[in-house]
Amino acid sequence: MSADDVAKAFIPHYYNLFDTNRAGLVSLFRNESTLTFEGDGPKTGPAAIMEKFNALPPVQHQPQTIETQPSTTPNAILVFCTGQILIEAGKPLKYSEVFQLVASAPGQYYLHNVIFRFNYA
């Protein structure tokens, strides 16, 4: 499976969990995982990351672009995603998000790094 294939499978899975079953995201993180959300961070480890996510209001992601690059090791992929997000069914806002996926087993990845930013015009 190519890096693009992995990213194109991962992004819908991640955002579906985030939007409909946020607690299900915990399995995607490890103790060394790090999140920076709108400059708030870094939050390290599943507990700190989930605490931040659970404090956020209900949202709906609408990803529009997905770009990938190889990362620092052959078992890691850098993913950049842009799109729109609806917060509590409000007006759509543009966002950018970066993920570093690291293989934990053949065909299985965890989130090592996540950086999220709104794009204000």
PDB file of N, CA and C in Angstrom:
ATOM      1  N   MET A   1       0.855  -1.181   0.000  1.00  0.00           N
ATOM      2  CA  MET A   1       0.000   0.000   0.000  1.00  0.00           C
ATOM      3  C   MET A   1       0.897   1.238   0.000  1.00  0.00           C
ATOM      4  N   SER A   2       0.649   2.141  -0.933  1.00  0.00           N
ATOM      5  CA  SER A   2       1.457   3.357  -1.031  1.00  0.00           C
ATOM      6  C   SER A   2       1.107   4.335   0.091  1.00  0.00           C
ATOM      7  N   ALA A   3       1.972   5.329   0.279  1.00  0.00           N
ATOM      8  CA  ALA A   3       1.710   6.377   1.284  1.00  0.00           C
ATOM      9  C   ALA A   3       0.397   7.089   0.979  1.00  0.00           C
ATOM     10  N   ASP A   4       0.154   7.365  -0.305  1.00  0.00           N
ATOM     11  CA  ASP A   4      -1.108   8.018  -0.685  1.00  0.00           C
ATOM     12  C   ASP A   4      -2.307   7.146  -0.339  1.00  0.00           C
ATOM     13  N   ASP A   5      -2.201   5.844  -0.592  1.00  0.00           N
ATOM     14  CA  ASP A   5      -3.300   4.930  -0.276  1.00  0.00           C
ATOM     15  C   ASP A   5      -3.568   4.888   1.227  1.00  0.00           C
ATOM     16  N   VAL A   6      -2.486   4.846   2.004  1.00  0.00           N
ATOM     17  CA  VAL A   6      -2.629   4.836   3.470  1.00  0.00           C
ATOM     18  C   VAL A   6      -3.329   6.119   3.922  1.00  0.00           C
ATOM     19  N   ALA A   7      -2.874   7.264   3.430  1.00  0.00           N
ATOM     20  CA  ALA A   7      -3.456   8.552   3.837  1.00  0.00           C
ATOM     21  C   ALA A   7      -4.921   8.646   3.421  1.00  0.00           C
ATOM     22  N   LYS A   8      -5.233   8.211   2.213  1.00  0.00           N
ATOM     23  CA  LYS A   8      -6.605   8.308   1.720  1.00  0.00           C
ATOM     24  C   LYS A   8      -7.550   7.365   2.450  1.00  0.00           C
ATOM     25  N   ALA A   9      -7.027   6.309   3.059  1.00  0.00           N
ATOM     26  CA  ALA A   9      -7.841   5.438   3.912  1.00  0.00           C
ATOM     27  C   ALA A   9      -7.911   5.990   5.337  1.00  0.00           C
ATOM     28  N   PHE A  10      -6.792   6.542   5.803  1.00  0.00           N
ATOM     29  CA  PHE A  10      -6.720   7.018   7.181  1.00  0.00           C
ATOM     30  C   PHE A  10      -7.572   8.255   7.437  1.00  0.00           C
ATOM     31  N   ILE A  11      -7.488   9.259   6.565  1.00  0.00           N
ATOM     32  CA  ILE A  11      -8.157  10.543   6.808  1.00  0.00           C
ATOM     33  C   ILE A  11      -9.667  10.369   7.013  1.00  0.00           C
ATOM     34  N   PRO A  12     -10.402   9.675   6.143  1.00  0.00           N
ATOM     35  CA  PRO A  12     -11.839   9.490   6.401  1.00  0.00           C
ATOM     36  C   PRO A  12     -12.111   8.734   7.705  1.00  0.00           C
ATOM     37  N   HIS A  13     -11.265   7.740   8.004  1.00  0.00           N
ATOM     38  CA  HIS A  13     -11.431   6.981   9.249  1.00  0.00           C
ATOM     39  C   HIS A  13     -11.256   7.896  10.468  1.00  0.00           C
ATOM     40  N   TYR A  14     -10.196   8.695  10.472  1.00  0.00           N
ATOM     41  CA  TYR A  14      -9.910   9.599  11.588  1.00  0.00           C
ATOM     42  C   TYR A  14     -11.039  10.604  11.792  1.00  0.00           C
ATOM     43  N   TYR A  15     -11.457  11.263  10.719  1.00  0.00           N
ATOM     44  CA  TYR A  15     -12.482  12.289  10.855  1.00  0.00           C
ATOM     45  C   TYR A  15     -13.859  11.692  11.180  1.00  0.00           C
ATOM     46  N   ASN A  16     -14.139  10.499  10.692  1.00  0.00           N
ATOM     47  CA  ASN A  16     -15.389   9.842  11.070  1.00  0.00           C
ATOM     48  C   ASN A  16     -15.408   9.578  12.578  1.00  0.00           C
ATOM     49  N   LEU A  17     -14.305   9.060  13.116  1.00  0.00           N
ATOM     50  CA  LEU A  17     -14.222   8.851  14.569  1.00  0.00           C
ATOM     51  C   LEU A  17     -14.331  10.173  15.317  1.00  0.00           C
ATOM     52  N   PHE A  18     -13.599  11.179  14.869  1.00  0.00           N
ATOM     53  CA  PHE A  18     -13.616  12.477  15.549  1.00  0.00           C
ATOM     54  C   PHE A  18     -15.033  13.039  15.597  1.00  0.00           C
ATOM     55  N   ASP A  19     -15.756  12.911  14.505  1.00  0.00           N
ATOM     56  CA  ASP A  19     -17.081  13.523  14.390  1.00  0.00           C
ATOM     57  C   ASP A  19     -18.191  12.707  15.039  1.00  0.00           C
ATOM     58  N   THR A  20     -18.052  11.376  15.095  1.00  0.00           N
ATOM     59  CA  THR A  20     -19.161  10.527  15.546  1.00  0.00           C
ATOM     60  C   THR A  20     -18.859   9.690  16.777  1.00  0.00           C
ATOM     61  N   ASN A  21     -17.594   9.433  17.067  1.00  0.00           N
ATOM     62  CA  ASN A  21     -17.220   8.567  18.194  1.00  0.00           C
ATOM     63  C   ASN A  21     -15.836   8.969  18.687  1.00  0.00           C
ATOM     64  N   ARG A  22     -15.733  10.181  19.194  1.00  0.00           N
ATOM     65  CA  ARG A  22     -14.438  10.759  19.558  1.00  0.00           C
ATOM     66  C   ARG A  22     -13.620   9.857  20.484  1.00  0.00           C
ATOM     67  N   ALA A  23     -14.284   9.151  21.376  1.00  0.00           N
ATOM     68  CA  ALA A  23     -13.571   8.256  22.302  1.00  0.00           C
ATOM     69  C   ALA A  23     -12.806   7.171  21.553  1.00  0.00           C
ATOM     70  N   GLY A  24     -13.257   6.821  20.356  1.00  0.00           N
ATOM     71  CA  GLY A  24     -12.584   5.808  19.557  1.00  0.00           C
ATOM     72  C   GLY A  24     -11.219   6.234  19.048  1.00  0.00           C
ATOM     73  N   LEU A  25     -10.908   7.522  19.107  1.00  0.00           N
ATOM     74  CA  LEU A  25      -9.600   8.011  18.657  1.00  0.00           C
ATOM     75  C   LEU A  25      -8.461   7.560  19.555  1.00  0.00           C
ATOM     76  N   VAL A  26      -8.755   7.238  20.806  1.00  0.00           N
ATOM     77  CA  VAL A  26      -7.685   6.928  21.765  1.00  0.00           C
ATOM     78  C   VAL A  26      -6.785   5.802  21.261  1.00  0.00           C
ATOM     79  N   SER A  27      -7.328   4.850  20.517  1.00  0.00           N
ATOM     80  CA  SER A  27      -6.527   3.719  20.044  1.00  0.00           C
ATOM     81  C   SER A  27      -5.511   4.126  18.968  1.00  0.00           C
ATOM     82  N   LEU A  28      -5.632   5.326  18.424  1.00  0.00           N
ATOM     83  CA  LEU A  28      -4.697   5.786  17.397  1.00  0.00           C
ATOM     84  C   LEU A  28      -3.451   6.449  17.982  1.00  0.00           C
ATOM     85  N   PHE A  29      -3.415   6.638  19.310  1.00  0.00           N
ATOM     86  CA  PHE A  29      -2.309   7.340  19.954  1.00  0.00           C
ATOM     87  C   PHE A  29      -1.502   6.407  20.848  1.00  0.00           C
ATOM     88  N   ARG A  30      -0.220   6.737  21.017  1.00  0.00           N
ATOM     89  CA  ARG A  30       0.697   6.032  21.917  1.00  0.00           C
ATOM     90  C   ARG A  30       1.217   7.036  22.936  1.00  0.00           C
ATOM     91  N   ASN A  31       1.964   6.539  23.911  1.00  0.00           N
ATOM     92  CA  ASN A  31       2.499   7.421  24.953  1.00  0.00           C
ATOM     93  C   ASN A  31       3.362   8.547  24.390  1.00  0.00           C
ATOM     94  N   GLU A  32       4.032   8.294  23.273  1.00  0.00           N
ATOM     95  CA  GLU A  32       4.907   9.304  22.676  1.00  0.00           C
ATOM     96  C   GLU A  32       4.186  10.223  21.686  1.00  0.00           C
ATOM     97  N   SER A  33       2.914  10.001  21.444  1.00  0.00           N
ATOM     98  CA  SER A  33       2.130  10.833  20.520  1.00  0.00           C
ATOM     99  C   SER A  33       1.999  12.254  21.064  1.00  0.00           C
ATOM    100  N   THR A  34       2.009  13.233  20.143  1.00  0.00           N
ATOM    101  CA  THR A  34       1.953  14.634  20.524  1.00  0.00           C
ATOM    102  C   THR A  34       0.950  15.385  19.662  1.00  0.00           C
ATOM    103  N   LEU A  35       0.174  16.265  20.303  1.00  0.00           N
ATOM    104  CA  LEU A  35      -0.813  17.103  19.635  1.00  0.00           C
ATOM    105  C   LEU A  35      -0.541  18.565  19.953  1.00  0.00           C
ATOM    106  N   THR A  36      -0.621  19.411  18.927  1.00  0.00           N
ATOM    107  CA  THR A  36      -0.698  20.856  19.109  1.00  0.00           C
ATOM    108  C   THR A  36      -1.962  21.302  18.392  1.00  0.00           C
ATOM    109  N   PHE A  37      -2.864  21.952  19.127  1.00  0.00           N
ATOM    110  CA  PHE A  37      -4.151  22.365  18.591  1.00  0.00           C
ATOM    111  C   PHE A  37      -4.281  23.868  18.738  1.00  0.00           C
ATOM    112  N   GLU A  38      -4.236  24.582  17.623  1.00  0.00           N
ATOM    113  CA  GLU A  38      -4.377  26.038  17.644  1.00  0.00           C
ATOM    114  C   GLU A  38      -3.382  26.691  18.606  1.00  0.00           C
ATOM    115  N   GLY A  39      -2.142  26.213  18.594  1.00  0.00           N
ATOM    116  CA  GLY A  39      -1.108  26.786  19.444  1.00  0.00           C
ATOM    117  C   GLY A  39      -1.119  26.284  20.872  1.00  0.00           C
ATOM    118  N   ASP A  40      -2.121  25.490  21.237  1.00  0.00           N
ATOM    119  CA  ASP A  40      -2.213  24.929  22.585  1.00  0.00           C
ATOM    120  C   ASP A  40      -1.530  23.571  22.581  1.00  0.00           C
ATOM    121  N   GLY A  41      -0.371  23.530  23.166  1.00  0.00           N
ATOM    122  CA  GLY A  41       0.357  22.267  23.201  1.00  0.00           C
ATOM    123  C   GLY A  41       1.830  22.548  23.374  1.00  0.00           C
ATOM    124  N   PRO A  42       2.596  21.519  23.282  1.00  0.00           N
ATOM    125  CA  PRO A  42       2.179  20.183  22.917  1.00  0.00           C
ATOM    126  C   PRO A  42       1.523  19.426  24.068  1.00  0.00           C
ATOM    127  N   LYS A  43       0.556  18.600  23.692  1.00  0.00           N
ATOM    128  CA  LYS A  43      -0.085  17.642  24.605  1.00  0.00           C
ATOM    129  C   LYS A  43       0.493  16.288  24.235  1.00  0.00           C
ATOM    130  N   THR A  44       1.041  15.576  25.197  1.00  0.00           N
ATOM    131  CA  THR A  44       1.706  14.309  24.915  1.00  0.00           C
ATOM    132  C   THR A  44       0.995  13.162  25.612  1.00  0.00           C
ATOM    133  N   GLY A  45       0.782  12.091  24.866  1.00  0.00           N
ATOM    134  CA  GLY A  45       0.166  10.877  25.381  1.00  0.00           C
ATOM    135  C   GLY A  45      -1.334  10.869  25.179  1.00  0.00           C
ATOM    136  N   PRO A  46      -1.913   9.669  25.110  1.00  0.00           N
ATOM    137  CA  PRO A  46      -3.345   9.540  24.835  1.00  0.00           C
ATOM    138  C   PRO A  46      -4.244  10.284  25.821  1.00  0.00           C
ATOM    139  N   ALA A  47      -3.933  10.258  27.095  1.00  0.00           N
ATOM    140  CA  ALA A  47      -4.809  10.897  28.089  1.00  0.00           C
ATOM    141  C   ALA A  47      -4.873  12.404  27.878  1.00  0.00           C
ATOM    142  N   ALA A  48      -3.725  13.052  27.692  1.00  0.00           N
ATOM    143  CA  ALA A  48      -3.702  14.510  27.497  1.00  0.00           C
ATOM    144  C   ALA A  48      -4.350  14.900  26.174  1.00  0.00           C
ATOM    145  N   ILE A  49      -4.116  14.105  25.136  1.00  0.00           N
ATOM    146  CA  ILE A  49      -4.706  14.391  23.824  1.00  0.00           C
ATOM    147  C   ILE A  49      -6.226  14.245  23.892  1.00  0.00           C
ATOM    148  N   MET A  50      -6.709  13.183  24.486  1.00  0.00           N
ATOM    149  CA  MET A  50      -8.148  12.958  24.569  1.00  0.00           C
ATOM    150  C   MET A  50      -8.818  13.995  25.471  1.00  0.00           C
ATOM    151  N   GLU A  51      -8.126  14.453  26.500  1.00  0.00           N
ATOM    152  CA  GLU A  51      -8.684  15.515  27.345  1.00  0.00           C
ATOM    153  C   GLU A  51      -8.942  16.767  26.506  1.00  0.00           C
ATOM    154  N   LYS A  52      -7.987  17.099  25.640  1.00  0.00           N
ATOM    155  CA  LYS A  52      -8.167  18.262  24.753  1.00  0.00           C
ATOM    156  C   LYS A  52      -9.319  18.022  23.778  1.00  0.00           C
ATOM    157  N   PHE A  53      -9.333  16.873  23.134  1.00  0.00           N
ATOM    158  CA  PHE A  53     -10.388  16.570  22.159  1.00  0.00           C
ATOM    159  C   PHE A  53     -11.769  16.570  22.809  1.00  0.00           C
ATOM    160  N   ASN A  54     -11.873  16.009  23.999  1.00  0.00           N
ATOM    161  CA  ASN A  54     -13.178  15.932  24.671  1.00  0.00           C
ATOM    162  C   ASN A  54     -13.683  17.289  25.142  1.00  0.00           C
ATOM    163  N   ALA A  55     -12.795  18.267  25.239  1.00  0.00           N
ATOM    164  CA  ALA A  55     -13.209  19.622  25.628  1.00  0.00           C
ATOM    165  C   ALA A  55     -13.747  20.422  24.437  1.00  0.00           C
ATOM    166  N   LEU A  56     -13.592  19.893  23.240  1.00  0.00           N
ATOM    167  CA  LEU A  56     -14.045  20.596  22.038  1.00  0.00           C
ATOM    168  C   LEU A  56     -15.525  20.331  21.785  1.00  0.00           C
ATOM    169  N   PRO A  57     -16.217  21.275  21.156  1.00  0.00           N
ATOM    170  CA  PRO A  57     -17.642  21.090  20.858  1.00  0.00           C
ATOM    171  C   PRO A  57     -17.834  20.084  19.715  1.00  0.00           C
ATOM    172  N   PRO A  58     -19.081  19.663  19.472  1.00  0.00           N
ATOM    173  CA  PRO A  58     -19.353  18.778  18.337  1.00  0.00           C
ATOM    174  C   PRO A  58     -18.963  19.456  17.023  1.00  0.00           C
ATOM    175  N   VAL A  59     -18.344  18.678  16.138  1.00  0.00           N
ATOM    176  CA  VAL A  59     -17.889  19.207  14.849  1.00  0.00           C
ATOM    177  C   VAL A  59     -18.188  18.217  13.735  1.00  0.00           C
ATOM    178  N   GLN A  60     -18.080  18.718  12.520  1.00  0.00           N
ATOM    179  CA  GLN A  60     -18.157  17.874  11.336  1.00  0.00           C
ATOM    180  C   GLN A  60     -17.060  18.325  10.379  1.00  0.00           C
ATOM    181  N   HIS A  61     -16.108  17.415  10.100  1.00  0.00           N
ATOM    182  CA  HIS A  61     -15.014  17.716   9.185  1.00  0.00           C
ATOM    183  C   HIS A  61     -15.425  17.417   7.747  1.00  0.00           C
ATOM    184  N   GLN A  62     -14.951  18.255   6.844  1.00  0.00           N
ATOM    185  CA  GLN A  62     -15.140  18.053   5.407  1.00  0.00           C
ATOM    186  C   GLN A  62     -13.778  18.203   4.742  1.00  0.00           C
ATOM    187  N   PRO A  63     -12.955  17.126   4.775  1.00  0.00           N
ATOM    188  CA  PRO A  63     -11.626  17.219   4.166  1.00  0.00           C
ATOM    189  C   PRO A  63     -11.729  17.443   2.663  1.00  0.00           C
ATOM    190  N   GLN A  64     -10.800  18.257   2.133  1.00  0.00           N
ATOM    191  CA  GLN A  64     -10.831  18.586   0.709  1.00  0.00           C
ATOM    192  C   GLN A  64      -9.545  18.211  -0.019  1.00  0.00           C
ATOM    193  N   THR A  65      -8.401  18.355   0.627  1.00  0.00           N
ATOM    194  CA  THR A  65      -7.140  17.952   0.000  1.00  0.00           C
ATOM    195  C   THR A  65      -6.347  17.094   0.972  1.00  0.00           C
ATOM    196  N   ILE A  66      -5.616  16.149   0.415  1.00  0.00           N
ATOM    197  CA  ILE A  66      -4.731  15.283   1.199  1.00  0.00           C
ATOM    198  C   ILE A  66      -3.417  15.183   0.437  1.00  0.00           C
ATOM    199  N   GLU A  67      -2.329  15.568   1.076  1.00  0.00           N
ATOM    200  CA  GLU A  67      -0.989  15.477   0.484  1.00  0.00           C
ATOM    201  C   GLU A  67      -0.136  14.595   1.381  1.00  0.00           C
ATOM    202  N   THR A  68       0.777  13.822   0.785  1.00  0.00           N
ATOM    203  CA  THR A  68       1.648  12.945   1.574  1.00  0.00           C
ATOM    204  C   THR A  68       3.103  13.108   1.152  1.00  0.00           C
ATOM    205  N   GLN A  69       3.974  12.801   2.097  1.00  0.00           N
ATOM    206  CA  GLN A  69       5.408  12.715   1.848  1.00  0.00           C
ATOM    207  C   GLN A  69       5.974  11.620   2.731  1.00  0.00           C
ATOM    208  N   PRO A  70       7.075  11.003   2.297  1.00  0.00           N
ATOM    209  CA  PRO A  70       7.773  10.102   3.209  1.00  0.00           C
ATOM    210  C   PRO A  70       8.309  10.911   4.385  1.00  0.00           C
ATOM    211  N   SER A  71       8.410  10.290   5.525  1.00  0.00           N
ATOM    212  CA  SER A  71       8.932  10.984   6.702  1.00  0.00           C
ATOM    213  C   SER A  71      10.384  10.583   6.927  1.00  0.00           C
ATOM    214  N   THR A  72      10.858  10.713   8.153  1.00  0.00           N
ATOM    215  CA  THR A  72      12.276  10.511   8.446  1.00  0.00           C
ATOM    216  C   THR A  72      12.713   9.049   8.394  1.00  0.00           C
ATOM    217  N   THR A  73      11.773   8.130   8.502  1.00  0.00           N
ATOM    218  CA  THR A  73      12.097   6.707   8.408  1.00  0.00           C
ATOM    219  C   THR A  73      11.151   6.057   7.404  1.00  0.00           C
ATOM    220  N   PRO A  74      11.526   4.923   6.858  1.00  0.00           N
ATOM    221  CA  PRO A  74      10.662   4.270   5.867  1.00  0.00           C
ATOM    222  C   PRO A  74       9.293   3.848   6.419  1.00  0.00           C
ATOM    223  N   ASN A  75       9.152   3.743   7.728  1.00  0.00           N
ATOM    224  CA  ASN A  75       7.878   3.304   8.303  1.00  0.00           C
ATOM    225  C   ASN A  75       6.998   4.470   8.754  1.00  0.00           C
ATOM    226  N   ALA A  76       7.311   5.699   8.313  1.00  0.00           N
ATOM    227  CA  ALA A  76       6.527   6.864   8.726  1.00  0.00           C
ATOM    228  C   ALA A  76       6.083   7.662   7.497  1.00  0.00           C
ATOM    229  N   ILE A  77       4.897   8.267   7.618  1.00  0.00           N
ATOM    230  CA  ILE A  77       4.306   9.045   6.531  1.00  0.00           C
ATOM    231  C   ILE A  77       3.862  10.391   7.092  1.00  0.00           C
ATOM    232  N   LEU A  78       4.176  11.447   6.381  1.00  0.00           N
ATOM    233  CA  LEU A  78       3.718  12.785   6.730  1.00  0.00           C
ATOM    234  C   LEU A  78       2.492  13.084   5.869  1.00  0.00           C
ATOM    235  N   VAL A  79       1.385  13.502   6.516  1.00  0.00           N
ATOM    236  CA  VAL A  79       0.128  13.766   5.809  1.00  0.00           C
ATOM    237  C   VAL A  79      -0.321  15.190   6.137  1.00  0.00           C
ATOM    238  N   PHE A  80      -0.667  15.942   5.097  1.00  0.00           N
ATOM    239  CA  PHE A  80      -1.184  17.301   5.248  1.00  0.00           C
ATOM    240  C   PHE A  80      -2.589  17.318   4.675  1.00  0.00           C
ATOM    241  N   CYS A  81      -3.552  17.769   5.470  1.00  0.00           N
ATOM    242  CA  CYS A  81      -4.949  17.776   5.055  1.00  0.00           C
ATOM    243  C   CYS A  81      -5.518  19.179   5.242  1.00  0.00           C
ATOM    244  N   THR A  82      -6.291  19.623   4.256  1.00  0.00           N
ATOM    245  CA  THR A  82      -7.033  20.871   4.388  1.00  0.00           C
ATOM    246  C   THR A  82      -8.501  20.587   4.142  1.00  0.00           C
ATOM    247  N   GLY A  83      -9.344  21.459   4.672  1.00  0.00           N
ATOM    248  CA  GLY A  83     -10.774  21.280   4.461  1.00  0.00           C
ATOM    249  C   GLY A  83     -11.573  22.323   5.199  1.00  0.00           C
ATOM    250  N   GLN A  84     -12.838  21.981   5.397  1.00  0.00           N
ATOM    251  CA  GLN A  84     -13.738  22.831   6.154  1.00  0.00           C
ATOM    252  C   GLN A  84     -14.244  22.051   7.362  1.00  0.00           C
ATOM    253  N   ILE A  85     -14.558  22.788   8.410  1.00  0.00           N
ATOM    254  CA  ILE A  85     -15.085  22.181   9.629  1.00  0.00           C
ATOM    255  C   ILE A  85     -16.308  22.983  10.059  1.00  0.00           C
ATOM    256  N   LEU A  86     -17.358  22.273  10.394  1.00  0.00           N
ATOM    257  CA  LEU A  86     -18.567  22.892  10.932  1.00  0.00           C
ATOM    258  C   LEU A  86     -18.551  22.669  12.438  1.00  0.00           C
ATOM    259  N   ILE A  87     -18.640  23.736  13.198  1.00  0.00           N
ATOM    260  CA  ILE A  87     -18.636  23.642  14.660  1.00  0.00           C
ATOM    261  C   ILE A  87     -20.057  23.867  15.133  1.00  0.00           C
ATOM    262  N   GLU A  88     -20.608  22.856  15.803  1.00  0.00           N
ATOM    263  CA  GLU A  88     -21.988  22.897  16.280  1.00  0.00           C
ATOM    264  C   GLU A  88     -22.929  23.362  15.170  1.00  0.00           C
ATOM    265  N   ALA A  89     -22.736  22.805  13.967  1.00  0.00           N
ATOM    266  CA  ALA A  89     -23.578  23.081  12.794  1.00  0.00           C
ATOM    267  C   ALA A  89     -23.572  24.558  12.402  1.00  0.00           C
ATOM    268  N   GLY A  90     -22.510  25.267  12.738  1.00  0.00           N
ATOM    269  CA  GLY A  90     -22.404  26.680  12.379  1.00  0.00           C
ATOM    270  C   GLY A  90     -21.824  26.868  10.990  1.00  0.00           C
ATOM    271  N   LYS A  91     -21.367  28.079  10.731  1.00  0.00           N
ATOM    272  CA  LYS A  91     -20.763  28.433   9.451  1.00  0.00           C
ATOM    273  C   LYS A  91     -19.451  27.660   9.267  1.00  0.00           C
ATOM    274  N   PRO A  92     -19.196  27.121   8.069  1.00  0.00           N
ATOM    275  CA  PRO A  92     -17.945  26.372   7.858  1.00  0.00           C
ATOM    276  C   PRO A  92     -16.716  27.265   8.006  1.00  0.00           C
ATOM    277  N   LEU A  93     -15.689  26.718   8.648  1.00  0.00           N
ATOM    278  CA  LEU A  93     -14.391  27.375   8.777  1.00  0.00           C
ATOM    279  C   LEU A  93     -13.353  26.518   8.068  1.00  0.00           C
ATOM    280  N   LYS A  94     -12.347  27.150   7.492  1.00  0.00           N
ATOM    281  CA  LYS A  94     -11.267  26.404   6.843  1.00  0.00           C
ATOM    282  C   LYS A  94     -10.232  25.992   7.893  1.00  0.00           C
ATOM    283  N   TYR A  95      -9.654  24.799   7.668  1.00  0.00           N
ATOM    284  CA  TYR A  95      -8.626  24.312   8.585  1.00  0.00           C
ATOM    285  C   TYR A  95      -7.509  23.624   7.810  1.00  0.00           C
ATOM    286  N   SER A  96      -6.368  23.467   8.481  1.00  0.00           N
ATOM    287  CA  SER A  96      -5.236  22.673   8.007  1.00  0.00           C
ATOM    288  C   SER A  96      -4.835  21.749   9.143  1.00  0.00           C
ATOM    289  N   GLU A  97      -4.432  20.545   8.793  1.00  0.00           N
ATOM    290  CA  GLU A  97      -3.998  19.602   9.817  1.00  0.00           C
ATOM    291  C   GLU A  97      -2.859  18.755   9.259  1.00  0.00           C
ATOM    292  N   VAL A  98      -1.842  18.549  10.088  1.00  0.00           N
ATOM    293  CA  VAL A  98      -0.689  17.732   9.732  1.00  0.00           C
ATOM    294  C   VAL A  98      -0.671  16.516  10.652  1.00  0.00           C
ATOM    295  N   PHE A  99      -0.430  15.358  10.054  1.00  0.00           N
ATOM    296  CA  PHE A  99      -0.327  14.104  10.794  1.00  0.00           C
ATOM    297  C   PHE A  99       0.988  13.433  10.427  1.00  0.00           C
ATOM    298  N   GLN A 100       1.658  12.851  11.417  1.00  0.00           N
ATOM    299  CA  GLN A 100       2.743  11.930  11.125  1.00  0.00           C
ATOM    300  C   GLN A 100       2.272  10.549  11.567  1.00  0.00           C
ATOM    301  N   LEU A 101       2.091   9.679  10.586  1.00  0.00           N
ATOM    302  CA  LEU A 101       1.677   8.306  10.853  1.00  0.00           C
ATOM    303  C   LEU A 101       2.922   7.437  10.913  1.00  0.00           C
ATOM    304  N   VAL A 102       2.991   6.558  11.923  1.00  0.00           N
ATOM    305  CA  VAL A 102       4.122   5.651  12.069  1.00  0.00           C
ATOM    306  C   VAL A 102       3.576   4.229  12.128  1.00  0.00           C
ATOM    307  N   ALA A 103       4.176   3.346  11.341  1.00  0.00           N
ATOM    308  CA  ALA A 103       3.730   1.953  11.320  1.00  0.00           C
ATOM    309  C   ALA A 103       4.051   1.283  12.654  1.00  0.00           C
ATOM    310  N   SER A 104       3.053   0.635  13.227  1.00  0.00           N
ATOM    311  CA  SER A 104       3.254  -0.115  14.471  1.00  0.00           C
ATOM    312  C   SER A 104       3.271  -1.614  14.195  1.00  0.00           C
ATOM    313  N   ALA A 105       2.779  -2.005  13.031  1.00  0.00           N
ATOM    314  CA  ALA A 105       2.770  -3.385  12.543  1.00  0.00           C
ATOM    315  C   ALA A 105       2.470  -3.284  11.050  1.00  0.00           C
ATOM    316  N   PRO A 106       2.674  -4.342  10.298  1.00  0.00           N
ATOM    317  CA  PRO A 106       2.360  -4.255   8.866  1.00  0.00           C
ATOM    318  C   PRO A 106       0.905  -3.818   8.633  1.00  0.00           C
ATOM    319  N   GLY A 107       0.736  -2.705   7.908  1.00  0.00           N
ATOM    320  CA  GLY A 107      -0.598  -2.207   7.598  1.00  0.00           C
ATOM    321  C   GLY A 107      -1.306  -1.496   8.734  1.00  0.00           C
ATOM    322  N   GLN A 108      -0.630  -1.292   9.874  1.00  0.00           N
ATOM    323  CA  GLN A 108      -1.227  -0.611  11.025  1.00  0.00           C
ATOM    324  C   GLN A 108      -0.366   0.590  11.400  1.00  0.00           C
ATOM    325  N   TYR A 109      -1.028   1.728  11.643  1.00  0.00           N
ATOM    326  CA  TYR A 109      -0.315   2.964  11.942  1.00  0.00           C
ATOM    327  C   TYR A 109      -0.876   3.606  13.194  1.00  0.00           C
ATOM    328  N   TYR A 110      -0.015   4.330  13.904  1.00  0.00           N
ATOM    329  CA  TYR A 110      -0.480   5.181  15.003  1.00  0.00           C
ATOM    330  C   TYR A 110      -0.096   6.611  14.679  1.00  0.00           C
ATOM    331  N   LEU A 111      -0.741   7.545  15.359  1.00  0.00           N
ATOM    332  CA  LEU A 111      -0.465   8.964  15.177  1.00  0.00           C
ATOM    333  C   LEU A 111       0.655   9.386  16.110  1.00  0.00           C
ATOM    334  N   HIS A 112       1.786   9.712  15.538  1.00  0.00           N
ATOM    335  CA  HIS A 112       2.909  10.170  16.345  1.00  0.00           C
ATOM    336  C   HIS A 112       2.819  11.678  16.592  1.00  0.00           C
ATOM    337  N   ASN A 113       2.417  12.438  15.562  1.00  0.00           N
ATOM    338  CA  ASN A 113       2.266  13.888  15.680  1.00  0.00           C
ATOM    339  C   ASN A 113       0.999  14.337  14.994  1.00  0.00           C
ATOM    340  N   VAL A 114       0.320  15.335  15.601  1.00  0.00           N
ATOM    341  CA  VAL A 114      -0.847  15.977  15.007  1.00  0.00           C
ATOM    342  C   VAL A 114      -0.741  17.477  15.296  1.00  0.00           C
ATOM    343  N   ILE A 115      -0.899  18.288  14.253  1.00  0.00           N
ATOM    344  CA  ILE A 115      -0.920  19.743  14.414  1.00  0.00           C
ATOM    345  C   ILE A 115      -2.162  20.251  13.686  1.00  0.00           C
ATOM    346  N   PHE A 116      -3.001  21.008  14.399  1.00  0.00           N
ATOM    347  CA  PHE A 116      -4.244  21.534  13.831  1.00  0.00           C
ATOM    348  C   PHE A 116      -4.249  23.046  13.912  1.00  0.00           C
ATOM    349  N   ARG A 117      -4.708  23.687  12.814  1.00  0.00           N
ATOM    350  CA  ARG A 117      -4.866  25.154  12.785  1.00  0.00           C
ATOM    351  C   ARG A 117      -6.079  25.525  11.945  1.00  0.00           C
ATOM    352  N   PHE A 118      -6.840  26.512  12.432  1.00  0.00           N
ATOM    353  CA  PHE A 118      -7.861  27.146  11.599  1.00  0.00           C
ATOM    354  C   PHE A 118      -7.141  28.089  10.646  1.00  0.00           C
ATOM    355  N   ASN A 119      -7.689  28.265   9.443  1.00  0.00           N
ATOM    356  CA  ASN A 119      -7.147  29.198   8.467  1.00  0.00           C
ATOM    357  C   ASN A 119      -8.074  30.389   8.379  1.00  0.00           C
ATOM    358  N   TYR A 120      -7.679  31.467   9.021  1.00  0.00           N
ATOM    359  CA  TYR A 120      -8.489  32.680   9.031  1.00  0.00           C
ATOM    360  C   TYR A 120      -8.102  33.583   7.875  1.00  0.00           C
ATOM    361  N   ALA A 121      -9.076  34.158   7.211  1.00  0.00           N
ATOM    362  CA  ALA A 121      -8.779  35.060   6.088  1.00  0.00           C
ATOM    363  C   ALA A 121      -8.819  36.493   6.553  1.00  0.00           C
TER     364      ALA A 121
END
